């Protein structure tokens, strides 16, 4: 699956703050999932993901890094970029 396009401003901001977008490997036809990850030097930290479902991008952010249910849905958006922004604004980073 190809990752949908985002604006140059968002792409530059993601790179500047060490975030990247990674597609879910081996997805079934009609399913699209893109993971948002943070490169923290020694590895990567899963920040959240966006799923394309019934024409909307559903944003899920990690809000409880050490909990049993780590992620919460933080919005449904028509635009992929809006869903990515919702993940970035909602995740909880604990070092």
PDB file of N, CA and C in Angstrom:
ATOM      1  N   UNK A   1       0.835  -1.171   0.000  1.00  0.00           N
ATOM      2  CA  UNK A   1       0.000   0.000   0.000  1.00  0.00           C
ATOM      3  C   UNK A   1       0.879   1.233   0.000  1.00  0.00           C
ATOM      4  N   UNK A   2       0.491   2.223  -0.769  1.00  0.00           N
ATOM      5  CA  UNK A   2       1.198   3.503  -0.804  1.00  0.00           C
ATOM      6  C   UNK A   2       0.606   4.433   0.256  1.00  0.00           C
ATOM      7  N   UNK A   3       1.461   5.162   0.905  1.00  0.00           N
ATOM      8  CA  UNK A   3       1.004   6.132   1.898  1.00  0.00           C
ATOM      9  C   UNK A   3       0.433   7.340   1.162  1.00  0.00           C
ATOM     10  N   UNK A   4      -0.756   7.796   1.540  1.00  0.00           N
ATOM     11  CA  UNK A   4      -1.325   8.985   0.896  1.00  0.00           C
ATOM     12  C   UNK A   4      -0.408  10.196   1.053  1.00  0.00           C
ATOM     13  N   UNK A   5      -0.519  11.112   0.124  1.00  0.00           N
ATOM     14  CA  UNK A   5       0.306  12.316   0.135  1.00  0.00           C
ATOM     15  C   UNK A   5      -0.090  13.233   1.292  1.00  0.00           C
ATOM     16  N   UNK A   6       0.912  13.910   1.846  1.00  0.00           N
ATOM     17  CA  UNK A   6       0.688  14.957   2.842  1.00  0.00           C
ATOM     18  C   UNK A   6       1.371  16.216   2.334  1.00  0.00           C
ATOM     19  N   UNK A   7       1.017  17.346   2.892  1.00  0.00           N
ATOM     20  CA  UNK A   7       1.600  18.617   2.461  1.00  0.00           C
ATOM     21  C   UNK A   7       3.091  18.650   2.767  1.00  0.00           C
ATOM     22  N   UNK A   8       3.789  19.482   2.027  1.00  0.00           N
ATOM     23  CA  UNK A   8       5.229  19.644   2.241  1.00  0.00           C
ATOM     24  C   UNK A   8       5.509  20.143   3.657  1.00  0.00           C
ATOM     25  N   UNK A   9       4.669  21.035   4.167  1.00  0.00           N
ATOM     26  CA  UNK A   9       4.862  21.570   5.520  1.00  0.00           C
ATOM     27  C   UNK A   9       4.770  20.458   6.565  1.00  0.00           C
ATOM     28  N   UNK A  10       3.772  19.573   6.436  1.00  0.00           N
ATOM     29  CA  UNK A  10       3.647  18.480   7.398  1.00  0.00           C
ATOM     30  C   UNK A  10       4.812  17.512   7.245  1.00  0.00           C
ATOM     31  N   UNK A  11       5.185  17.183   6.025  1.00  0.00           N
ATOM     32  CA  UNK A  11       6.298  16.259   5.807  1.00  0.00           C
ATOM     33  C   UNK A  11       7.578  16.798   6.434  1.00  0.00           C
ATOM     34  N   UNK A  12       7.862  18.089   6.247  1.00  0.00           N
ATOM     35  CA  UNK A  12       9.063  18.686   6.829  1.00  0.00           C
ATOM     36  C   UNK A  12       9.003  18.700   8.351  1.00  0.00           C
ATOM     37  N   UNK A  13       7.820  18.959   8.908  1.00  0.00           N
ATOM     38  CA  UNK A  13       7.663  18.954  10.360  1.00  0.00           C
ATOM     39  C   UNK A  13       7.866  17.550  10.929  1.00  0.00           C
ATOM     40  N   UNK A  14       7.300  16.548  10.257  1.00  0.00           N
ATOM     41  CA  UNK A  14       7.498  15.161  10.693  1.00  0.00           C
ATOM     42  C   UNK A  14       8.985  14.822  10.724  1.00  0.00           C
ATOM     43  N   UNK A  15       9.691  15.156   9.664  1.00  0.00           N
ATOM     44  CA  UNK A  15      11.122  14.858   9.580  1.00  0.00           C
ATOM     45  C   UNK A  15      11.918  15.618  10.635  1.00  0.00           C
ATOM     46  N   UNK A  16      11.600  16.884  10.830  1.00  0.00           N
ATOM     47  CA  UNK A  16      12.325  17.722  11.799  1.00  0.00           C
ATOM     48  C   UNK A  16      12.176  17.176  13.221  1.00  0.00           C
ATOM     49  N   UNK A  17      11.011  16.618  13.531  1.00  0.00           N
ATOM     50  CA  UNK A  17      10.763  16.108  14.884  1.00  0.00           C
ATOM     51  C   UNK A  17      10.937  14.593  14.981  1.00  0.00           C
ATOM     52  N   UNK A  18      11.530  13.987  13.937  1.00  0.00           N
ATOM     53  CA  UNK A  18      11.903  12.563  13.887  1.00  0.00           C
ATOM     54  C   UNK A  18      10.702  11.616  13.838  1.00  0.00           C
ATOM     55  N   UNK A  19       9.585  12.065  13.285  1.00  0.00           N
ATOM     56  CA  UNK A  19       8.440  11.190  13.071  1.00  0.00           C
ATOM     57  C   UNK A  19       8.477  10.639  11.659  1.00  0.00           C
ATOM     58  N   UNK A  20       7.868   9.493  11.463  1.00  0.00           N
ATOM     59  CA  UNK A  20       7.730   8.960  10.107  1.00  0.00           C
ATOM     60  C   UNK A  20       6.403   8.216   9.994  1.00  0.00           C
ATOM     61  N   UNK A  21       5.961   8.046   8.766  1.00  0.00           N
ATOM     62  CA  UNK A  21       4.730   7.321   8.452  1.00  0.00           C
ATOM     63  C   UNK A  21       5.135   6.011   7.797  1.00  0.00           C
ATOM     64  N   UNK A  22       4.573   4.916   8.282  1.00  0.00           N
ATOM     65  CA  UNK A  22       4.912   3.602   7.743  1.00  0.00           C
ATOM     66  C   UNK A  22       3.644   2.815   7.446  1.00  0.00           C
ATOM     67  N   UNK A  23       3.565   2.254   6.249  1.00  0.00           N
ATOM     68  CA  UNK A  23       2.365   1.479   5.900  1.00  0.00           C
ATOM     69  C   UNK A  23       2.342   0.141   6.629  1.00  0.00           C
ATOM     70  N   UNK A  24       1.151  -0.347   6.886  1.00  0.00           N
ATOM     71  CA  UNK A  24       0.971  -1.684   7.462  1.00  0.00           C
ATOM     72  C   UNK A  24       1.309  -2.699   6.369  1.00  0.00           C
ATOM     73  N   UNK A  25       2.240  -3.598   6.612  1.00  0.00           N
ATOM     74  CA  UNK A  25       2.553  -4.597   5.583  1.00  0.00           C
ATOM     75  C   UNK A  25       1.444  -5.640   5.458  1.00  0.00           C
ATOM     76  N   UNK A  26       1.296  -6.162   4.279  1.00  0.00           N
ATOM     77  CA  UNK A  26       0.383  -7.277   4.001  1.00  0.00           C
ATOM     78  C   UNK A  26      -1.045  -7.023   4.475  1.00  0.00           C
ATOM     79  N   UNK A  27      -1.636  -5.947   4.008  1.00  0.00           N
ATOM     80  CA  UNK A  27      -3.027  -5.666   4.358  1.00  0.00           C
ATOM     81  C   UNK A  27      -3.953  -6.291   3.324  1.00  0.00           C
ATOM     82  N   UNK A  28      -5.163  -6.572   3.733  1.00  0.00           N
ATOM     83  CA  UNK A  28      -6.163  -7.117   2.821  1.00  0.00           C
ATOM     84  C   UNK A  28      -6.686  -6.014   1.914  1.00  0.00           C
ATOM     85  N   UNK A  29      -7.166  -6.376   0.726  1.00  0.00           N
ATOM     86  CA  UNK A  29      -7.723  -5.362  -0.180  1.00  0.00           C
ATOM     87  C   UNK A  29      -8.840  -4.566   0.502  1.00  0.00           C
ATOM     88  N   UNK A  30      -8.810  -3.257   0.332  1.00  0.00           N
ATOM     89  CA  UNK A  30      -9.825  -2.393   0.930  1.00  0.00           C
ATOM     90  C   UNK A  30      -9.465  -1.897   2.318  1.00  0.00           C
ATOM     91  N   UNK A  31      -8.432  -2.461   2.911  1.00  0.00           N
ATOM     92  CA  UNK A  31      -7.989  -2.013   4.230  1.00  0.00           C
ATOM     93  C   UNK A  31      -6.708  -1.214   4.071  1.00  0.00           C
ATOM     94  N   UNK A  32      -6.640  -0.104   4.733  1.00  0.00           N
ATOM     95  CA  UNK A  32      -5.434   0.715   4.703  1.00  0.00           C
ATOM     96  C   UNK A  32      -5.122   1.159   6.120  1.00  0.00           C
ATOM     97  N   UNK A  33      -3.899   0.912   6.557  1.00  0.00           N
ATOM     98  CA  UNK A  33      -3.443   1.347   7.873  1.00  0.00           C
ATOM     99  C   UNK A  33      -2.051   1.941   7.726  1.00  0.00           C
ATOM    100  N   UNK A  34      -1.881   3.118   8.297  1.00  0.00           N
ATOM    101  CA  UNK A  34      -0.578   3.778   8.297  1.00  0.00           C
ATOM    102  C   UNK A  34      -0.205   4.042   9.747  1.00  0.00           C
ATOM    103  N   UNK A  35       0.996   3.611  10.132  1.00  0.00           N
ATOM    104  CA  UNK A  35       1.487   3.805  11.492  1.00  0.00           C
ATOM    105  C   UNK A  35       2.300   5.086  11.576  1.00  0.00           C
ATOM    106  N   UNK A  36       2.171   5.779  12.700  1.00  0.00           N
ATOM    107  CA  UNK A  36       2.969   6.962  12.985  1.00  0.00           C
ATOM    108  C   UNK A  36       3.981   6.551  14.040  1.00  0.00           C
ATOM    109  N   UNK A  37       5.265   6.696  13.715  1.00  0.00           N
ATOM    110  CA  UNK A  37       6.315   6.268  14.638  1.00  0.00           C
ATOM    111  C   UNK A  37       7.298   7.405  14.883  1.00  0.00           C
ATOM    112  N   UNK A  38       7.954   7.351  16.033  1.00  0.00           N
ATOM    113  CA  UNK A  38       8.953   8.330  16.433  1.00  0.00           C
ATOM    114  C   UNK A  38      10.284   7.613  16.561  1.00  0.00           C
ATOM    115  N   UNK A  39      11.304   8.119  15.894  1.00  0.00           N
ATOM    116  CA  UNK A  39      12.656   7.566  16.011  1.00  0.00           C
ATOM    117  C   UNK A  39      13.300   8.202  17.230  1.00  0.00           C
ATOM    118  N   UNK A  40      13.480   7.412  18.284  1.00  0.00           N
ATOM    119  CA  UNK A  40      14.028   7.968  19.523  1.00  0.00           C
ATOM    120  C   UNK A  40      15.498   7.604  19.720  1.00  0.00           C
ATOM    121  N   UNK A  41      16.238   7.509  18.647  1.00  0.00           N
ATOM    122  CA  UNK A  41      17.669   7.234  18.740  1.00  0.00           C
ATOM    123  C   UNK A  41      17.983   5.755  18.679  1.00  0.00           C
ATOM    124  N   UNK A  42      17.696   5.034  19.733  1.00  0.00           N
ATOM    125  CA  UNK A  42      18.017   3.612  19.802  1.00  0.00           C
ATOM    126  C   UNK A  42      16.962   2.709  19.187  1.00  0.00           C
ATOM    127  N   UNK A  43      15.880   3.256  18.749  1.00  0.00           N
ATOM    128  CA  UNK A  43      14.798   2.447  18.174  1.00  0.00           C
ATOM    129  C   UNK A  43      13.644   3.339  17.785  1.00  0.00           C
ATOM    130  N   UNK A  44      12.475   2.729  17.672  1.00  0.00           N
ATOM    131  CA  UNK A  44      11.299   3.505  17.310  1.00  0.00           C
ATOM    132  C   UNK A  44      10.220   3.338  18.366  1.00  0.00           C
ATOM    133  N   UNK A  45       9.402   4.350  18.485  1.00  0.00           N
ATOM    134  CA  UNK A  45       8.286   4.360  19.427  1.00  0.00           C
ATOM    135  C   UNK A  45       7.004   4.504  18.622  1.00  0.00           C
ATOM    136  N   UNK A  46       6.076   3.570  18.818  1.00  0.00           N
ATOM    137  CA  UNK A  46       4.790   3.627  18.124  1.00  0.00           C
ATOM    138  C   UNK A  46       3.950   4.714  18.769  1.00  0.00           C
ATOM    139  N   UNK A  47       3.545   5.701  17.973  1.00  0.00           N
ATOM    140  CA  UNK A  47       2.789   6.849  18.456  1.00  0.00           C
ATOM    141  C   UNK A  47       1.296   6.652  18.250  1.00  0.00           C
ATOM    142  N   UNK A  48       0.949   5.960  17.175  1.00  0.00           N
ATOM    143  CA  UNK A  48      -0.448   5.718  16.854  1.00  0.00           C
ATOM    144  C   UNK A  48      -0.567   5.236  15.418  1.00  0.00           C
ATOM    145  N   UNK A  49      -1.801   5.193  14.933  1.00  0.00           N
ATOM    146  CA  UNK A  49      -2.023   4.780  13.548  1.00  0.00           C
ATOM    147  C   UNK A  49      -3.329   5.375  13.044  1.00  0.00           C
ATOM    148  N   UNK A  50      -3.452   5.388  11.728  1.00  0.00           N
ATOM    149  CA  UNK A  50      -4.700   5.808  11.105  1.00  0.00           C
ATOM    150  C   UNK A  50      -5.177   4.694  10.185  1.00  0.00           C
ATOM    151  N   UNK A  51      -6.465   4.420  10.255  1.00  0.00           N
ATOM    152  CA  UNK A  51      -7.093   3.365   9.452  1.00  0.00           C
ATOM    153  C   UNK A  51      -8.110   3.991   8.521  1.00  0.00           C
ATOM    154  N   UNK A  52      -8.124   3.531   7.284  1.00  0.00           N
ATOM    155  CA  UNK A  52      -9.132   3.990   6.331  1.00  0.00           C
ATOM    156  C   UNK A  52     -10.294   3.014   6.397  1.00  0.00           C
ATOM    157  N   UNK A  53     -11.468   3.515   6.780  1.00  0.00           N
ATOM    158  CA  UNK A  53     -12.631   2.651   6.983  1.00  0.00           C
ATOM    159  C   UNK A  53     -13.884   3.399   6.545  1.00  0.00           C
ATOM    160  N   UNK A  54     -14.612   2.827   5.602  1.00  0.00           N
ATOM    161  CA  UNK A  54     -15.860   3.395   5.109  1.00  0.00           C
ATOM    162  C   UNK A  54     -15.721   4.853   4.680  1.00  0.00           C
ATOM    163  N   UNK A  55     -14.619   5.163   4.014  1.00  0.00           N
ATOM    164  CA  UNK A  55     -14.417   6.501   3.473  1.00  0.00           C
ATOM    165  C   UNK A  55     -13.845   7.521   4.433  1.00  0.00           C
ATOM    166  N   UNK A  56     -13.602   7.140   5.678  1.00  0.00           N
ATOM    167  CA  UNK A  56     -13.029   8.055   6.656  1.00  0.00           C
ATOM    168  C   UNK A  56     -11.710   7.505   7.181  1.00  0.00           C
ATOM    169  N   UNK A  57     -10.835   8.397   7.569  1.00  0.00           N
ATOM    170  CA  UNK A  57      -9.593   8.014   8.230  1.00  0.00           C
ATOM    171  C   UNK A  57      -9.821   8.109   9.740  1.00  0.00           C
ATOM    172  N   UNK A  58      -9.724   6.993  10.430  1.00  0.00           N
ATOM    173  CA  UNK A  58      -9.898   6.938  11.883  1.00  0.00           C
ATOM    174  C   UNK A  58      -8.522   7.030  12.528  1.00  0.00           C
ATOM    175  N   UNK A  59      -8.360   7.978  13.433  1.00  0.00           N
ATOM    176  CA  UNK A  59      -7.074   8.224  14.078  1.00  0.00           C
ATOM    177  C   UNK A  59      -7.066   7.581  15.464  1.00  0.00           C
ATOM    178  N   UNK A  60      -5.990   6.861  15.765  1.00  0.00           N
ATOM    179  CA  UNK A  60      -5.799   6.221  17.067  1.00  0.00           C
ATOM    180  C   UNK A  60      -4.446   6.652  17.605  1.00  0.00           C
ATOM    181  N   UNK A  61      -4.416   7.192  18.816  1.00  0.00           N
ATOM    182  CA  UNK A  61      -3.168   7.663  19.412  1.00  0.00           C
ATOM    183  C   UNK A  61      -2.881   6.882  20.689  1.00  0.00           C
ATOM    184  N   UNK A  62      -1.604   6.660  20.957  1.00  0.00           N
ATOM    185  CA  UNK A  62      -1.183   6.021  22.207  1.00  0.00           C
ATOM    186  C   UNK A  62      -1.330   7.058  23.311  1.00  0.00           C
ATOM    187  N   UNK A  63      -2.218   6.783  24.247  1.00  0.00           N
ATOM    188  CA  UNK A  63      -2.461   7.714  25.349  1.00  0.00           C
ATOM    189  C   UNK A  63      -2.114   7.101  26.704  1.00  0.00           C
ATOM    190  N   UNK A  64      -1.941   5.790  26.742  1.00  0.00           N
ATOM    191  CA  UNK A  64      -1.522   5.089  27.957  1.00  0.00           C
ATOM    192  C   UNK A  64      -0.378   4.150  27.568  1.00  0.00           C
ATOM    193  N   UNK A  65       0.865   4.656  27.526  1.00  0.00           N
ATOM    194  CA  UNK A  65       1.966   3.861  27.006  1.00  0.00           C
ATOM    195  C   UNK A  65       2.170   2.525  27.715  1.00  0.00           C
ATOM    196  N   UNK A  66       1.816   2.425  28.978  1.00  0.00           N
ATOM    197  CA  UNK A  66       2.064   1.196  29.717  1.00  0.00           C
ATOM    198  C   UNK A  66       0.779   0.469  30.114  1.00  0.00           C
ATOM    199  N   UNK A  67      -0.336   0.872  29.533  1.00  0.00           N
ATOM    200  CA  UNK A  67      -1.619   0.270  29.875  1.00  0.00           C
ATOM    201  C   UNK A  67      -1.959  -0.923  29.014  1.00  0.00           C
ATOM    202  N   UNK A  68      -2.960  -1.656  29.418  1.00  0.00           N
ATOM    203  CA  UNK A  68      -3.427  -2.812  28.659  1.00  0.00           C
ATOM    204  C   UNK A  68      -4.036  -2.354  27.340  1.00  0.00           C
ATOM    205  N   UNK A  69      -4.869  -1.329  27.390  1.00  0.00           N
ATOM    206  CA  UNK A  69      -5.440  -0.737  26.186  1.00  0.00           C
ATOM    207  C   UNK A  69      -4.725   0.588  25.975  1.00  0.00           C
ATOM    208  N   UNK A  70      -3.679   0.565  25.180  1.00  0.00           N
ATOM    209  CA  UNK A  70      -2.790   1.712  25.029  1.00  0.00           C
ATOM    210  C   UNK A  70      -3.373   2.838  24.207  1.00  0.00           C
ATOM    211  N   UNK A  71      -4.169   2.509  23.189  1.00  0.00           N
ATOM    212  CA  UNK A  71      -4.615   3.515  22.229  1.00  0.00           C
ATOM    213  C   UNK A  71      -6.087   3.848  22.391  1.00  0.00           C
ATOM    214  N   UNK A  72      -6.412   5.088  22.069  1.00  0.00           N
ATOM    215  CA  UNK A  72      -7.796   5.552  22.009  1.00  0.00           C
ATOM    216  C   UNK A  72      -8.046   6.136  20.633  1.00  0.00           C
ATOM    217  N   UNK A  73      -9.278   6.004  20.161  1.00  0.00           N
ATOM    218  CA  UNK A  73      -9.649   6.685  18.924  1.00  0.00           C
ATOM    219  C   UNK A  73      -9.759   8.170  19.244  1.00  0.00           C
ATOM    220  N   UNK A  74      -9.087   8.975  18.436  1.00  0.00           N
ATOM    221  CA  UNK A  74      -9.057  10.413  18.703  1.00  0.00           C
ATOM    222  C   UNK A  74      -9.723  11.222  17.600  1.00  0.00           C
ATOM    223  N   UNK A  75     -10.411  10.549  16.699  1.00  0.00           N
ATOM    224  CA  UNK A  75     -11.153  11.278  15.683  1.00  0.00           C
ATOM    225  C   UNK A  75     -11.323  10.505  14.400  1.00  0.00           C
ATOM    226  N   UNK A  76     -12.296  10.961  13.618  1.00  0.00           N
ATOM    227  CA  UNK A  76     -12.538  10.437  12.275  1.00  0.00           C
ATOM    228  C   UNK A  76     -12.498  11.624  11.331  1.00  0.00           C
ATOM    229  N   UNK A  77     -11.737  11.482  10.257  1.00  0.00           N
ATOM    230  CA  UNK A  77     -11.490  12.606   9.365  1.00  0.00           C
ATOM    231  C   UNK A  77     -11.631  12.179   7.916  1.00  0.00           C
ATOM    232  N   UNK A  78     -12.088  13.102   7.090  1.00  0.00           N
ATOM    233  CA  UNK A  78     -12.163  12.824   5.660  1.00  0.00           C
ATOM    234  C   UNK A  78     -10.779  12.861   5.031  1.00  0.00           C
ATOM    235  N   UNK A  79      -9.898  13.706   5.543  1.00  0.00           N
ATOM    236  CA  UNK A  79      -8.563  13.866   4.975  1.00  0.00           C
ATOM    237  C   UNK A  79      -7.534  13.081   5.793  1.00  0.00           C
ATOM    238  N   UNK A  80      -6.658  12.381   5.090  1.00  0.00           N
ATOM    239  CA  UNK A  80      -5.586  11.617   5.728  1.00  0.00           C
ATOM    240  C   UNK A  80      -4.714  12.522   6.604  1.00  0.00           C
ATOM    241  N   UNK A  81      -4.356  13.689   6.083  1.00  0.00           N
ATOM    242  CA  UNK A  81      -3.478  14.594   6.822  1.00  0.00           C
ATOM    243  C   UNK A  81      -4.107  15.039   8.139  1.00  0.00           C
ATOM    244  N   UNK A  82      -5.402  15.288   8.161  1.00  0.00           N
ATOM    245  CA  UNK A  82      -6.080  15.670   9.402  1.00  0.00           C
ATOM    246  C   UNK A  82      -6.014  14.550  10.433  1.00  0.00           C
ATOM    247  N   UNK A  83      -6.132  13.309   9.981  1.00  0.00           N
ATOM    248  CA  UNK A  83      -6.050  12.167  10.898  1.00  0.00           C
ATOM    249  C   UNK A  83      -4.647  12.048  11.484  1.00  0.00           C
ATOM    250  N   UNK A  84      -3.622  12.241  10.660  1.00  0.00           N
ATOM    251  CA  UNK A  84      -2.241  12.192  11.150  1.00  0.00           C
ATOM    252  C   UNK A  84      -2.022  13.295  12.182  1.00  0.00           C
ATOM    253  N   UNK A  85      -2.511  14.487  11.916  1.00  0.00           N
ATOM    254  CA  UNK A  85      -2.379  15.589  12.871  1.00  0.00           C
ATOM    255  C   UNK A  85      -3.084  15.277  14.186  1.00  0.00           C
ATOM    256  N   UNK A  86      -4.235  14.631  14.130  1.00  0.00           N
ATOM    257  CA  UNK A  86      -4.956  14.258  15.351  1.00  0.00           C
ATOM    258  C   UNK A  86      -4.123  13.296  16.193  1.00  0.00           C
ATOM    259  N   UNK A  87      -3.459  12.343  15.549  1.00  0.00           N
ATOM    260  CA  UNK A  87      -2.579  11.420  16.284  1.00  0.00           C
ATOM    261  C   UNK A  87      -1.448  12.195  16.942  1.00  0.00           C
ATOM    262  N   UNK A  88      -0.808  13.064  16.189  1.00  0.00           N
ATOM    263  CA  UNK A  88       0.339  13.810  16.725  1.00  0.00           C
ATOM    264  C   UNK A  88      -0.052  14.712  17.888  1.00  0.00           C
ATOM    265  N   UNK A  89      -1.246  15.292  17.847  1.00  0.00           N
ATOM    266  CA  UNK A  89      -1.674  16.201  18.914  1.00  0.00           C
ATOM    267  C   UNK A  89      -2.171  15.440  20.151  1.00  0.00           C
ATOM    268  N   UNK A  90      -2.469  14.148  20.017  1.00  0.00           N
ATOM    269  CA  UNK A  90      -3.114  13.429  21.106  1.00  0.00           C
ATOM    270  C   UNK A  90      -2.248  12.420  21.831  1.00  0.00           C
ATOM    271  N   UNK A  91      -1.157  11.974  21.221  1.00  0.00           N
ATOM    272  CA  UNK A  91      -0.409  10.899  21.867  1.00  0.00           C
ATOM    273  C   UNK A  91       0.310  11.396  23.110  1.00  0.00           C
ATOM    274  N   UNK A  92       0.564  10.463  24.034  1.00  0.00           N
ATOM    275  CA  UNK A  92       1.254  10.768  25.284  1.00  0.00           C
ATOM    276  C   UNK A  92       2.643  10.145  25.222  1.00  0.00           C
ATOM    277  N   UNK A  93       3.659  10.966  25.279  1.00  0.00           N
ATOM    278  CA  UNK A  93       5.044  10.491  25.198  1.00  0.00           C
ATOM    279  C   UNK A  93       5.619  10.425  26.596  1.00  0.00           C
ATOM    280  N   UNK A  94       5.995   9.235  27.017  1.00  0.00           N
ATOM    281  CA  UNK A  94       6.625   9.042  28.318  1.00  0.00           C
ATOM    282  C   UNK A  94       7.987   8.427  28.067  1.00  0.00           C
ATOM    283  N   UNK A  95       9.033   9.038  28.590  1.00  0.00           N
ATOM    284  CA  UNK A  95      10.382   8.498  28.391  1.00  0.00           C
ATOM    285  C   UNK A  95      10.754   7.621  29.559  1.00  0.00           C
TER     286      UNK A  95
END
